[in-house]
Amino acid sequence: MIPNPTGNDHLPVYESLLRERGDVVAEARVAAEQMQDQAPQASSSHDWDPSDFGPQ
């Protein structure tokens, strides 16, 4: 099978999964972006001790 270089491939299985389950990839991308935005705020707002994460 030769890939289509135009990028206009139709993936009926993927499209049906999108209809059934939603766009999980897009939702994961949004969640990751939100976590990246929140991570610096969370780390700067808490004075943490390495012992908070278990034995060394």
PDB file of N, CA and C in Angstrom:
ATOM      1  N   MET A   1       0.842  -1.176   0.000  1.00  0.00           N
ATOM      2  CA  MET A   1       0.000   0.000   0.000  1.00  0.00           C
ATOM      3  C   MET A   1       0.886   1.238   0.000  1.00  0.00           C
ATOM      4  N   ILE A   2       0.606   2.160  -0.877  1.00  0.00           N
ATOM      5  CA  ILE A   2       1.391   3.388  -1.001  1.00  0.00           C
ATOM      6  C   ILE A   2       0.639   4.521  -0.302  1.00  0.00           C
ATOM      7  N   PRO A   3       1.315   5.237   0.620  1.00  0.00           N
ATOM      8  CA  PRO A   3       0.626   6.339   1.309  1.00  0.00           C
ATOM      9  C   PRO A   3       0.294   7.472   0.349  1.00  0.00           C
ATOM     10  N   ASN A   4      -0.808   8.133   0.638  1.00  0.00           N
ATOM     11  CA  ASN A   4      -1.248   9.259  -0.169  1.00  0.00           C
ATOM     12  C   ASN A   4      -0.508  10.511   0.276  1.00  0.00           C
ATOM     13  N   PRO A   5       0.328  11.113  -0.592  1.00  0.00           N
ATOM     14  CA  PRO A   5       1.121  12.271  -0.179  1.00  0.00           C
ATOM     15  C   PRO A   5       0.313  13.546   0.038  1.00  0.00           C
ATOM     16  N   THR A   6      -0.936  13.584  -0.418  1.00  0.00           N
ATOM     17  CA  THR A   6      -1.733  14.796  -0.261  1.00  0.00           C
ATOM     18  C   THR A   6      -2.308  14.938   1.128  1.00  0.00           C
ATOM     19  N   GLY A   7      -2.316  13.870   1.903  1.00  0.00           N
ATOM     20  CA  GLY A   7      -2.855  13.934   3.258  1.00  0.00           C
ATOM     21  C   GLY A   7      -4.364  13.900   3.320  1.00  0.00           C
ATOM     22  N   ASN A   8      -5.014  13.574   2.212  1.00  0.00           N
ATOM     23  CA  ASN A   8      -6.475  13.537   2.171  1.00  0.00           C
ATOM     24  C   ASN A   8      -7.012  12.133   2.385  1.00  0.00           C
ATOM     25  N   ASP A   9      -6.260  11.322   3.104  1.00  0.00           N
ATOM     26  CA  ASP A   9      -6.701   9.956   3.371  1.00  0.00           C
ATOM     27  C   ASP A   9      -7.946   9.981   4.248  1.00  0.00           C
ATOM     28  N   HIS A  10      -8.874   9.102   3.937  1.00  0.00           N
ATOM     29  CA  HIS A  10     -10.060   8.957   4.775  1.00  0.00           C
ATOM     30  C   HIS A  10      -9.888   7.682   5.580  1.00  0.00           C
ATOM     31  N   LEU A  11     -10.024   7.800   6.864  1.00  0.00           N
ATOM     32  CA  LEU A  11      -9.856   6.660   7.752  1.00  0.00           C
ATOM     33  C   LEU A  11     -11.206   6.355   8.391  1.00  0.00           C
ATOM     34  N   PRO A  12     -12.001   5.528   7.736  1.00  0.00           N
ATOM     35  CA  PRO A  12     -13.367   5.286   8.235  1.00  0.00           C
ATOM     36  C   PRO A  12     -13.403   4.703   9.641  1.00  0.00           C
ATOM     37  N   VAL A  13     -12.446   3.857   9.999  1.00  0.00           N
ATOM     38  CA  VAL A  13     -12.446   3.284  11.340  1.00  0.00           C
ATOM     39  C   VAL A  13     -12.194   4.390  12.355  1.00  0.00           C
ATOM     40  N   TYR A  14     -11.202   5.239  12.096  1.00  0.00           N
ATOM     41  CA  TYR A  14     -10.889   6.340  12.998  1.00  0.00           C
ATOM     42  C   TYR A  14     -12.063   7.309  13.091  1.00  0.00           C
ATOM     43  N   GLU A  15     -12.669   7.618  11.962  1.00  0.00           N
ATOM     44  CA  GLU A  15     -13.816   8.532  11.960  1.00  0.00           C
ATOM     45  C   GLU A  15     -14.983   7.962  12.763  1.00  0.00           C
ATOM     46  N   SER A  16     -15.210   6.659  12.660  1.00  0.00           N
ATOM     47  CA  SER A  16     -16.307   6.072  13.428  1.00  0.00           C
ATOM     48  C   SER A  16     -15.982   6.075  14.924  1.00  0.00           C
ATOM     49  N   LEU A  17     -14.705   5.861  15.268  1.00  0.00           N
ATOM     50  CA  LEU A  17     -14.320   5.945  16.678  1.00  0.00           C
ATOM     51  C   LEU A  17     -14.492   7.359  17.211  1.00  0.00           C
ATOM     52  N   LEU A  18     -14.182   8.356  16.391  1.00  0.00           N
ATOM     53  CA  LEU A  18     -14.402   9.745  16.812  1.00  0.00           C
ATOM     54  C   LEU A  18     -15.869   9.991  17.119  1.00  0.00           C
ATOM     55  N   ARG A  19     -16.735   9.477  16.269  1.00  0.00           N
ATOM     56  CA  ARG A  19     -18.175   9.658  16.498  1.00  0.00           C
ATOM     57  C   ARG A  19     -18.615   8.933  17.766  1.00  0.00           C
ATOM     58  N   GLU A  20     -18.091   7.733  18.000  1.00  0.00           N
ATOM     59  CA  GLU A  20     -18.519   6.942  19.151  1.00  0.00           C
ATOM     60  C   GLU A  20     -17.915   7.414  20.467  1.00  0.00           C
ATOM     61  N   ARG A  21     -16.627   7.723  20.448  1.00  0.00           N
ATOM     62  CA  ARG A  21     -15.891   7.979  21.692  1.00  0.00           C
ATOM     63  C   ARG A  21     -15.460   9.422  21.886  1.00  0.00           C
ATOM     64  N   GLY A  22     -15.560  10.239  20.864  1.00  0.00           N
ATOM     65  CA  GLY A  22     -15.069  11.616  20.958  1.00  0.00           C
ATOM     66  C   GLY A  22     -13.602  11.678  20.549  1.00  0.00           C
ATOM     67  N   ASP A  23     -13.088  12.873  20.444  1.00  0.00           N
ATOM     68  CA  ASP A  23     -11.705  13.075  20.009  1.00  0.00           C
ATOM     69  C   ASP A  23     -10.789  13.028  21.224  1.00  0.00           C
ATOM     70  N   VAL A  24     -10.403  11.826  21.601  1.00  0.00           N
ATOM     71  CA  VAL A  24      -9.592  11.611  22.797  1.00  0.00           C
ATOM     72  C   VAL A  24      -8.228  12.278  22.648  1.00  0.00           C
ATOM     73  N   VAL A  25      -7.663  12.251  21.447  1.00  0.00           N
ATOM     74  CA  VAL A  25      -6.354  12.861  21.221  1.00  0.00           C
ATOM     75  C   VAL A  25      -6.421  14.364  21.479  1.00  0.00           C
ATOM     76  N   ALA A  26      -7.437  15.020  20.966  1.00  0.00           N
ATOM     77  CA  ALA A  26      -7.589  16.459  21.184  1.00  0.00           C
ATOM     78  C   ALA A  26      -7.827  16.763  22.657  1.00  0.00           C
ATOM     79  N   GLU A  27      -8.622  15.940  23.329  1.00  0.00           N
ATOM     80  CA  GLU A  27      -8.880  16.145  24.753  1.00  0.00           C
ATOM     81  C   GLU A  27      -7.599  15.971  25.574  1.00  0.00           C
ATOM     82  N   ALA A  28      -6.785  14.986  25.211  1.00  0.00           N
ATOM     83  CA  ALA A  28      -5.510  14.765  25.911  1.00  0.00           C
ATOM     84  C   ALA A  28      -4.570  15.940  25.681  1.00  0.00           C
ATOM     85  N   ARG A  29      -4.563  16.478  24.477  1.00  0.00           N
ATOM     86  CA  ARG A  29      -3.717  17.625  24.164  1.00  0.00           C
ATOM     87  C   ARG A  29      -4.122  18.835  25.017  1.00  0.00           C
ATOM     88  N   VAL A  30      -5.408  19.084  25.130  1.00  0.00           N
ATOM     89  CA  VAL A  30      -5.900  20.202  25.946  1.00  0.00           C
ATOM     90  C   VAL A  30      -5.530  19.992  27.416  1.00  0.00           C
ATOM     91  N   ALA A  31      -5.711  18.772  27.909  1.00  0.00           N
ATOM     92  CA  ALA A  31      -5.371  18.484  29.305  1.00  0.00           C
ATOM     93  C   ALA A  31      -3.882  18.673  29.553  1.00  0.00           C
ATOM     94  N   ALA A  32      -3.045  18.257  28.612  1.00  0.00           N
ATOM     95  CA  ALA A  32      -1.593  18.424  28.764  1.00  0.00           C
ATOM     96  C   ALA A  32      -1.214  19.896  28.770  1.00  0.00           C
ATOM     97  N   GLU A  33      -1.835  20.683  27.909  1.00  0.00           N
ATOM     98  CA  GLU A  33      -1.554  22.121  27.881  1.00  0.00           C
ATOM     99  C   GLU A  33      -1.967  22.779  29.193  1.00  0.00           C
ATOM    100  N   GLN A  34      -3.099  22.367  29.748  1.00  0.00           N
ATOM    101  CA  GLN A  34      -3.544  22.921  31.023  1.00  0.00           C
ATOM    102  C   GLN A  34      -2.574  22.566  32.138  1.00  0.00           C
ATOM    103  N   MET A  35      -2.091  21.327  32.136  1.00  0.00           N
ATOM    104  CA  MET A  35      -1.134  20.906  33.163  1.00  0.00           C
ATOM    105  C   MET A  35       0.178  21.679  33.031  1.00  0.00           C
ATOM    106  N   GLN A  36       0.618  21.921  31.816  1.00  0.00           N
ATOM    107  CA  GLN A  36       1.845  22.695  31.620  1.00  0.00           C
ATOM    108  C   GLN A  36       1.675  24.116  32.144  1.00  0.00           C
ATOM    109  N   ASP A  37       0.496  24.680  31.978  1.00  0.00           N
ATOM    110  CA  ASP A  37       0.233  26.024  32.484  1.00  0.00           C
ATOM    111  C   ASP A  37       0.182  26.043  34.007  1.00  0.00           C
ATOM    112  N   GLN A  38      -0.360  24.979  34.611  1.00  0.00           N
ATOM    113  CA  GLN A  38      -0.542  24.940  36.055  1.00  0.00           C
ATOM    114  C   GLN A  38       0.713  24.505  36.803  1.00  0.00           C
ATOM    115  N   ALA A  39       1.585  23.749  36.171  1.00  0.00           N
ATOM    116  CA  ALA A  39       2.759  23.192  36.861  1.00  0.00           C
ATOM    117  C   ALA A  39       3.669  24.264  37.452  1.00  0.00           C
ATOM    118  N   PRO A  40       4.042  25.317  36.724  1.00  0.00           N
ATOM    119  CA  PRO A  40       4.907  26.332  37.340  1.00  0.00           C
ATOM    120  C   PRO A  40       4.240  27.026  38.529  1.00  0.00           C
ATOM    121  N   GLN A  41       2.947  27.244  38.440  1.00  0.00           N
ATOM    122  CA  GLN A  41       2.224  27.889  39.536  1.00  0.00           C
ATOM    123  C   GLN A  41       2.211  26.983  40.763  1.00  0.00           C
ATOM    124  N   ALA A  42       1.989  25.709  40.552  1.00  0.00           N
ATOM    125  CA  ALA A  42       1.919  24.772  41.668  1.00  0.00           C
ATOM    126  C   ALA A  42       3.277  24.628  42.336  1.00  0.00           C
ATOM    127  N   SER A  43       4.343  24.568  41.549  1.00  0.00           N
ATOM    128  CA  SER A  43       5.663  24.370  42.144  1.00  0.00           C
ATOM    129  C   SER A  43       6.157  25.623  42.847  1.00  0.00           C
ATOM    130  N   SER A  44       5.757  26.791  42.387  1.00  0.00           N
ATOM    131  CA  SER A  44       6.215  28.021  43.029  1.00  0.00           C
ATOM    132  C   SER A  44       5.376  28.383  44.252  1.00  0.00           C
ATOM    133  N   SER A  45       4.187  27.825  44.366  1.00  0.00           N
ATOM    134  CA  SER A  45       3.318  28.178  45.482  1.00  0.00           C
ATOM    135  C   SER A  45       3.491  27.260  46.693  1.00  0.00           C
ATOM    136  N   HIS A  46       4.369  26.287  46.599  1.00  0.00           N
ATOM    137  CA  HIS A  46       4.529  25.329  47.689  1.00  0.00           C
ATOM    138  C   HIS A  46       6.012  25.143  47.980  1.00  0.00           C
ATOM    139  N   ASP A  47       6.411  25.400  49.198  1.00  0.00           N
ATOM    140  CA  ASP A  47       7.776  25.103  49.615  1.00  0.00           C
ATOM    141  C   ASP A  47       7.822  23.635  49.946  1.00  0.00           C
ATOM    142  N   TRP A  48       8.409  22.853  49.080  1.00  0.00           N
ATOM    143  CA  TRP A  48       8.398  21.417  49.283  1.00  0.00           C
ATOM    144  C   TRP A  48       9.738  20.936  49.797  1.00  0.00           C
ATOM    145  N   ASP A  49       9.648  19.810  50.435  1.00  0.00           N
ATOM    146  CA  ASP A  49      10.799  19.144  51.003  1.00  0.00           C
ATOM    147  C   ASP A  49      10.948  17.820  50.249  1.00  0.00           C
ATOM    148  N   PRO A  50      12.170  17.457  49.846  1.00  0.00           N
ATOM    149  CA  PRO A  50      12.323  16.185  49.116  1.00  0.00           C
ATOM    150  C   PRO A  50      11.761  14.989  49.871  1.00  0.00           C
ATOM    151  N   SER A  51      11.690  15.068  51.198  1.00  0.00           N
ATOM    152  CA  SER A  51      11.117  13.945  51.951  1.00  0.00           C
ATOM    153  C   SER A  51       9.618  13.793  51.701  1.00  0.00           C
ATOM    154  N   ASP A  52       8.994  14.835  51.127  1.00  0.00           N
ATOM    155  CA  ASP A  52       7.585  14.741  50.782  1.00  0.00           C
ATOM    156  C   ASP A  52       7.348  13.612  49.782  1.00  0.00           C
ATOM    157  N   PHE A  53       8.380  13.209  49.058  1.00  0.00           N
ATOM    158  CA  PHE A  53       8.237  12.240  47.978  1.00  0.00           C
ATOM    159  C   PHE A  53       8.750  10.868  48.367  1.00  0.00           C
ATOM    160  N   GLY A  54       8.917  10.613  49.631  1.00  0.00           N
ATOM    161  CA  GLY A  54       9.317   9.288  50.100  1.00  0.00           C
ATOM    162  C   GLY A  54      10.779   9.225  50.495  1.00  0.00           C
ATOM    163  N   PRO A  55      11.215   8.053  50.907  1.00  0.00           N
ATOM    164  CA  PRO A  55      12.594   7.889  51.385  1.00  0.00           C
ATOM    165  C   PRO A  55      13.593   8.117  50.269  1.00  0.00           C
ATOM    166  N   GLN A  56      14.737   8.628  50.646  1.00  0.00           N
ATOM    167  CA  GLN A  56      15.801   8.905  49.663  1.00  0.00           C
ATOM    168  C   GLN A  56      16.751   7.755  49.579  1.00  0.00           C
TER     169      GLN A  56
END
